[in-house]
PDB file of N, CA and C in Angstrom:
ATOM      1  N   MET A   1     -18.965 111.217 -55.460  1.00  0.00           N
ATOM      2  CA  MET A   1     -17.597 111.579 -55.727  1.00  0.00           C
ATOM      3  C   MET A   1     -16.909 110.383 -56.384  1.00  0.00           C
ATOM      4  N   ALA A   2     -16.159 110.622 -57.419  1.00  0.00           N
ATOM      5  CA  ALA A   2     -15.416 109.556 -58.093  1.00  0.00           C
ATOM      6  C   ALA A   2     -13.969 109.583 -57.631  1.00  0.00           C
ATOM      7  N   ILE A   3     -13.377 108.415 -57.553  1.00  0.00           N
ATOM      8  CA  ILE A   3     -11.964 108.331 -57.185  1.00  0.00           C
ATOM      9  C   ILE A   3     -11.212 107.547 -58.243  1.00  0.00           C
ATOM     10  N   PHE A   4      -9.973 107.867 -58.417  1.00  0.00           N
ATOM     11  CA  PHE A   4      -9.101 107.129 -59.320  1.00  0.00           C
ATOM     12  C   PHE A   4      -7.805 106.905 -58.563  1.00  0.00           C
ATOM     13  N   ARG A   5      -7.510 105.672 -58.262  1.00  0.00           N
ATOM     14  CA  ARG A   5      -6.338 105.369 -57.454  1.00  0.00           C
ATOM     15  C   ARG A   5      -5.251 104.765 -58.327  1.00  0.00           C
ATOM     16  N   ALA A   6      -4.065 105.312 -58.250  1.00  0.00           N
ATOM     17  CA  ALA A   6      -2.929 104.780 -59.001  1.00  0.00           C
ATOM     18  C   ALA A   6      -2.396 103.554 -58.283  1.00  0.00           C
ATOM     19  N   LYS A   7      -2.170 102.492 -59.027  1.00  0.00           N
ATOM     20  CA  LYS A   7      -1.684 101.246 -58.448  1.00  0.00           C
ATOM     21  C   LYS A   7      -0.630 100.636 -59.353  1.00  0.00           C
ATOM     22  N   ALA A   8       0.205  99.802 -58.788  1.00  0.00           N
ATOM     23  CA  ALA A   8       1.185  99.055 -59.569  1.00  0.00           C
ATOM     24  C   ALA A   8       0.781  97.593 -59.651  1.00  0.00           C
ATOM     25  N   GLY A   9      -0.325  97.225 -59.048  1.00  0.00           N
ATOM     26  CA  GLY A   9      -0.816  95.848 -59.070  1.00  0.00           C
ATOM     27  C   GLY A   9      -2.246  95.847 -58.569  1.00  0.00           C
ATOM     28  N   PHE A  10      -2.863  94.682 -58.540  1.00  0.00           N
ATOM     29  CA  PHE A  10      -4.217  94.607 -58.010  1.00  0.00           C
ATOM     30  C   PHE A  10      -4.451  93.239 -57.398  1.00  0.00           C
ATOM     31  N   TYR A  11      -5.504  93.123 -56.607  1.00  0.00           N
ATOM     32  CA  TYR A  11      -5.825  91.880 -55.922  1.00  0.00           C
ATOM     33  C   TYR A  11      -7.062  91.251 -56.530  1.00  0.00           C
ATOM     34  N   ARG A  12      -7.036  89.928 -56.636  1.00  0.00           N
ATOM     35  CA  ARG A  12      -8.218  89.178 -57.034  1.00  0.00           C
ATOM     36  C   ARG A  12      -8.664  88.372 -55.826  1.00  0.00           C
ATOM     37  N   LYS A  13      -9.940  88.457 -55.478  1.00  0.00           N
ATOM     38  CA  LYS A  13     -10.451  87.755 -54.315  1.00  0.00           C
ATOM     39  C   LYS A  13     -10.874  86.352 -54.726  1.00  0.00           C
ATOM     40  N   THR A  14     -10.241  85.373 -54.169  1.00  0.00           N
ATOM     41  CA  THR A  14     -10.598  83.964 -54.351  1.00  0.00           C
ATOM     42  C   THR A  14     -10.611  83.373 -52.948  1.00  0.00           C
ATOM     43  N   LYS A  15     -10.476  82.065 -52.828  1.00  0.00           N
ATOM     44  CA  LYS A  15     -10.372  81.489 -51.487  1.00  0.00           C
ATOM     45  C   LYS A  15      -9.127  82.016 -50.778  1.00  0.00           C
ATOM     46  N   ALA A  16      -8.106  82.328 -51.544  1.00  0.00           N
ATOM     47  CA  ALA A  16      -6.908  82.986 -51.019  1.00  0.00           C
ATOM     48  C   ALA A  16      -6.722  84.272 -51.806  1.00  0.00           C
ATOM     49  N   GLU A  17      -6.319  85.326 -51.140  1.00  0.00           N
ATOM     50  CA  GLU A  17      -6.130  86.596 -51.827  1.00  0.00           C
ATOM     51  C   GLU A  17      -4.893  86.516 -52.718  1.00  0.00           C
ATOM     52  N   ILE A  18      -5.011  86.983 -53.950  1.00  0.00           N
ATOM     53  CA  ILE A  18      -3.925  86.925 -54.927  1.00  0.00           C
ATOM     54  C   ILE A  18      -3.572  88.344 -55.337  1.00  0.00           C
ATOM     55  N   SER A  19      -2.303  88.632 -55.404  1.00  0.00           N
ATOM     56  CA  SER A  19      -1.842  89.939 -55.860  1.00  0.00           C
ATOM     57  C   SER A  19      -1.172  89.779 -57.211  1.00  0.00           C
ATOM     58  N   ASP A  20      -1.642  90.532 -58.194  1.00  0.00           N
ATOM     59  CA  ASP A  20      -1.019  90.548 -59.517  1.00  0.00           C
ATOM     60  C   ASP A  20      -0.255  91.853 -59.637  1.00  0.00           C
ATOM     61  N   GLN A  21       1.058  91.757 -59.757  1.00  0.00           N
ATOM     62  CA  GLN A  21       1.871  92.957 -59.874  1.00  0.00           C
ATOM     63  C   GLN A  21       2.807  92.827 -61.047  1.00  0.00           C
ATOM     64  N   SER A  22       3.043  93.934 -61.675  1.00  0.00           N
ATOM     65  CA  SER A  22       3.982  93.997 -62.784  1.00  0.00           C
ATOM     66  C   SER A  22       5.005  95.065 -62.450  1.00  0.00           C
ATOM     67  N   TYR A  23       6.243  94.653 -62.267  1.00  0.00           N
ATOM     68  CA  TYR A  23       7.280  95.603 -61.878  1.00  0.00           C
ATOM     69  C   TYR A  23       7.936  96.277 -63.072  1.00  0.00           C
ATOM     70  N   ASP A  24       7.644  95.804 -64.284  1.00  0.00           N
ATOM     71  CA  ASP A  24       8.274  96.392 -65.463  1.00  0.00           C
ATOM     72  C   ASP A  24       7.323  97.279 -66.258  1.00  0.00           C
ATOM     73  N   GLN A  25       6.130  97.563 -65.721  1.00  0.00           N
ATOM     74  CA  GLN A  25       5.167  98.406 -66.420  1.00  0.00           C
ATOM     75  C   GLN A  25       4.852  99.638 -65.580  1.00  0.00           C
ATOM     76  N   GLU A  26       4.291 100.633 -66.237  1.00  0.00           N
ATOM     77  CA  GLU A  26       3.923 101.862 -65.544  1.00  0.00           C
ATOM     78  C   GLU A  26       2.722 101.625 -64.635  1.00  0.00           C
ATOM     79  N   ILE A  27       2.527 102.544 -63.708  1.00  0.00           N
ATOM     80  CA  ILE A  27       1.376 102.493 -62.811  1.00  0.00           C
ATOM     81  C   ILE A  27       0.101 102.692 -63.619  1.00  0.00           C
ATOM     82  N   PHE A  28      -0.965 101.983 -63.247  1.00  0.00           N
ATOM     83  CA  PHE A  28      -2.248 102.172 -63.912  1.00  0.00           C
ATOM     84  C   PHE A  28      -3.281 102.615 -62.880  1.00  0.00           C
ATOM     85  N   ALA A  29      -4.391 103.161 -63.357  1.00  0.00           N
ATOM     86  CA  ALA A  29      -5.439 103.683 -62.478  1.00  0.00           C
ATOM     87  C   ALA A  29      -6.623 102.731 -62.454  1.00  0.00           C
ATOM     88  N   ILE A  30      -7.302 102.698 -61.314  1.00  0.00           N
ATOM     89  CA  ILE A  30      -8.507 101.892 -61.151  1.00  0.00           C
ATOM     90  C   ILE A  30      -9.655 102.853 -60.831  1.00  0.00           C
ATOM     91  N   PRO A  31     -10.705 102.890 -61.658  1.00  0.00           N
ATOM     92  CA  PRO A  31     -11.819 103.800 -61.374  1.00  0.00           C
ATOM     93  C   PRO A  31     -12.701 103.258 -60.251  1.00  0.00           C
ATOM     94  N   GLY A  32     -13.235 104.154 -59.466  1.00  0.00           N
ATOM     95  CA  GLY A  32     -14.106 103.740 -58.384  1.00  0.00           C
ATOM     96  C   GLY A  32     -15.002 104.877 -57.935  1.00  0.00           C
ATOM     97  N   ILE A  33     -15.903 104.560 -57.018  1.00  0.00           N
ATOM     98  CA  ILE A  33     -16.781 105.564 -56.430  1.00  0.00           C
ATOM     99  C   ILE A  33     -16.613 105.520 -54.912  1.00  0.00           C
ATOM    100  N   TYR A  34     -16.813 106.656 -54.263  1.00  0.00           N
ATOM    101  CA  TYR A  34     -16.568 106.790 -52.835  1.00  0.00           C
ATOM    102  C   TYR A  34     -17.621 107.705 -52.215  1.00  0.00           C
ATOM    103  N   SER A  35     -18.018 107.370 -51.010  1.00  0.00           N
ATOM    104  CA  SER A  35     -18.950 108.216 -50.275  1.00  0.00           C
ATOM    105  C   SER A  35     -18.768 107.948 -48.782  1.00  0.00           C
ATOM    106  N   ASN A  36     -19.246 108.847 -47.957  1.00  0.00           N
ATOM    107  CA  ASN A  36     -19.286 108.587 -46.519  1.00  0.00           C
ATOM    108  C   ASN A  36     -20.577 109.162 -45.962  1.00  0.00           C
ATOM    109  N   ASN A  37     -20.970 108.640 -44.811  1.00  0.00           N
ATOM    110  CA  ASN A  37     -22.213 109.056 -44.182  1.00  0.00           C
ATOM    111  C   ASN A  37     -22.082 108.818 -42.688  1.00  0.00           C
ATOM    112  N   ARG A  38     -22.883 109.490 -41.908  1.00  0.00           N
ATOM    113  CA  ARG A  38     -22.871 109.293 -40.455  1.00  0.00           C
ATOM    114  C   ARG A  38     -23.994 108.348 -40.045  1.00  0.00           C
ATOM    115  N   ASN A  39     -23.659 107.416 -39.166  1.00  0.00           N
ATOM    116  CA  ASN A  39     -24.645 106.517 -38.589  1.00  0.00           C
ATOM    117  C   ASN A  39     -25.530 107.342 -37.654  1.00  0.00           C
ATOM    118  N   PRO A  40     -26.850 107.376 -37.896  1.00  0.00           N
ATOM    119  CA  PRO A  40     -27.725 108.214 -37.065  1.00  0.00           C
ATOM    120  C   PRO A  40     -27.845 107.724 -35.619  1.00  0.00           C
ATOM    121  N   LEU A  41     -27.498 106.470 -35.354  1.00  0.00           N
ATOM    122  CA  LEU A  41     -27.611 105.943 -33.993  1.00  0.00           C
ATOM    123  C   LEU A  41     -26.449 106.353 -33.089  1.00  0.00           C
ATOM    124  N   ASN A  42     -25.236 106.404 -33.654  1.00  0.00           N
ATOM    125  CA  ASN A  42     -24.079 106.727 -32.810  1.00  0.00           C
ATOM    126  C   ASN A  42     -23.178 107.822 -33.397  1.00  0.00           C
ATOM    127  N   ASN A  43     -23.597 108.418 -34.494  1.00  0.00           N
ATOM    128  CA  ASN A  43     -22.869 109.506 -35.148  1.00  0.00           C
ATOM    129  C   ASN A  43     -21.492 109.084 -35.684  1.00  0.00           C
ATOM    130  N   GLU A  44     -21.257 107.779 -35.784  1.00  0.00           N
ATOM    131  CA  GLU A  44     -19.988 107.273 -36.322  1.00  0.00           C
ATOM    132  C   GLU A  44     -19.944 107.498 -37.830  1.00  0.00           C
ATOM    133  N   LEU A  45     -18.786 107.933 -38.324  1.00  0.00           N
ATOM    134  CA  LEU A  45     -18.606 108.147 -39.755  1.00  0.00           C
ATOM    135  C   LEU A  45     -18.348 106.803 -40.434  1.00  0.00           C
ATOM    136  N   ILE A  46     -19.129 106.489 -41.457  1.00  0.00           N
ATOM    137  CA  ILE A  46     -19.014 105.226 -42.192  1.00  0.00           C
ATOM    138  C   ILE A  46     -18.578 105.545 -43.613  1.00  0.00           C
ATOM    139  N   TYR A  47     -17.587 104.813 -44.103  1.00  0.00           N
ATOM    140  CA  TYR A  47     -17.054 105.015 -45.451  1.00  0.00           C
ATOM    141  C   TYR A  47     -17.552 103.911 -46.372  1.00  0.00           C
ATOM    142  N   PHE A  48     -17.944 104.289 -47.572  1.00  0.00           N
ATOM    143  CA  PHE A  48     -18.396 103.345 -48.588  1.00  0.00           C
ATOM    144  C   PHE A  48     -17.536 103.535 -49.830  1.00  0.00           C
ATOM    145  N   TYR A  49     -17.119 102.453 -50.441  1.00  0.00           N
ATOM    146  CA  TYR A  49     -16.395 102.566 -51.706  1.00  0.00           C
ATOM    147  C   TYR A  49     -16.621 101.319 -52.538  1.00  0.00           C
ATOM    148  N   SER A  50     -16.452 101.479 -53.821  1.00  0.00           N
ATOM    149  CA  SER A  50     -16.585 100.372 -54.760  1.00  0.00           C
ATOM    150  C   SER A  50     -15.634 100.614 -55.920  1.00  0.00           C
ATOM    151  N   ILE A  51     -15.028  99.559 -56.394  1.00  0.00           N
ATOM    152  CA  ILE A  51     -14.154  99.648 -57.558  1.00  0.00           C
ATOM    153  C   ILE A  51     -14.935  99.149 -58.763  1.00  0.00           C
ATOM    154  N   LEU A  52     -14.908  99.929 -59.826  1.00  0.00           N
ATOM    155  CA  LEU A  52     -15.633  99.576 -61.039  1.00  0.00           C
ATOM    156  C   LEU A  52     -14.834  98.535 -61.813  1.00  0.00           C
ATOM    157  N   THR A  53     -15.497  97.454 -62.196  1.00  0.00           N
ATOM    158  CA  THR A  53     -14.812  96.354 -62.881  1.00  0.00           C
ATOM    159  C   THR A  53     -15.549  95.969 -64.156  1.00  0.00           C
ATOM    160  N   THR A  54     -14.935  95.107 -64.912  1.00  0.00           N
ATOM    161  CA  THR A  54     -15.528  94.564 -66.124  1.00  0.00           C
ATOM    162  C   THR A  54     -15.046  93.127 -66.276  1.00  0.00           C
ATOM    163  N   GLU A  55     -15.487  92.459 -67.293  1.00  0.00           N
ATOM    164  CA  GLU A  55     -15.095  91.074 -67.537  1.00  0.00           C
ATOM    165  C   GLU A  55     -13.589  90.979 -67.810  1.00  0.00           C
ATOM    166  N   ALA A  56     -12.969  89.914 -67.340  1.00  0.00           N
ATOM    167  CA  ALA A  56     -11.520  89.725 -67.530  1.00  0.00           C
ATOM    168  C   ALA A  56     -11.184  89.456 -68.995  1.00  0.00           C
ATOM    169  N   ASN A  57     -10.016  89.954 -69.416  1.00  0.00           N
ATOM    170  CA  ASN A  57      -9.558  89.661 -70.774  1.00  0.00           C
ATOM    171  C   ASN A  57      -8.867  88.293 -70.800  1.00  0.00           C
ATOM    172  N   GLU A  58      -8.431  87.848 -71.951  1.00  0.00           N
ATOM    173  CA  GLU A  58      -7.824  86.524 -72.100  1.00  0.00           C
ATOM    174  C   GLU A  58      -6.582  86.354 -71.233  1.00  0.00           C
ATOM    175  N   LEU A  59      -5.768  87.377 -71.112  1.00  0.00           N
ATOM    176  CA  LEU A  59      -4.545  87.297 -70.325  1.00  0.00           C
ATOM    177  C   LEU A  59      -4.846  86.983 -68.860  1.00  0.00           C
ATOM    178  N   MET A  60      -5.928  87.558 -68.316  1.00  0.00           N
ATOM    179  CA  MET A  60      -6.258  87.374 -66.907  1.00  0.00           C
ATOM    180  C   MET A  60      -7.057  86.107 -66.627  1.00  0.00           C
ATOM    181  N   ARG A  61      -7.623  85.489 -67.631  1.00  0.00           N
ATOM    182  CA  ARG A  61      -8.409  84.261 -67.407  1.00  0.00           C
ATOM    183  C   ARG A  61      -7.509  83.139 -67.162  1.00  0.00           C
TER     184      ARG A  61
END
């Protein structure tokens, strides 16, 4: 299953978490994939997700 989440900013993981937000621009979408499965040992539902990324452009470097 594919997911597309609307966001007004995003986080970059470094030694400290950084939030990049733009309050004067429209919301943008981040593509990702999502799945869930049950742990066979305890029947607990486990969620898996990943956000699809690419190399940073000049503005973000």
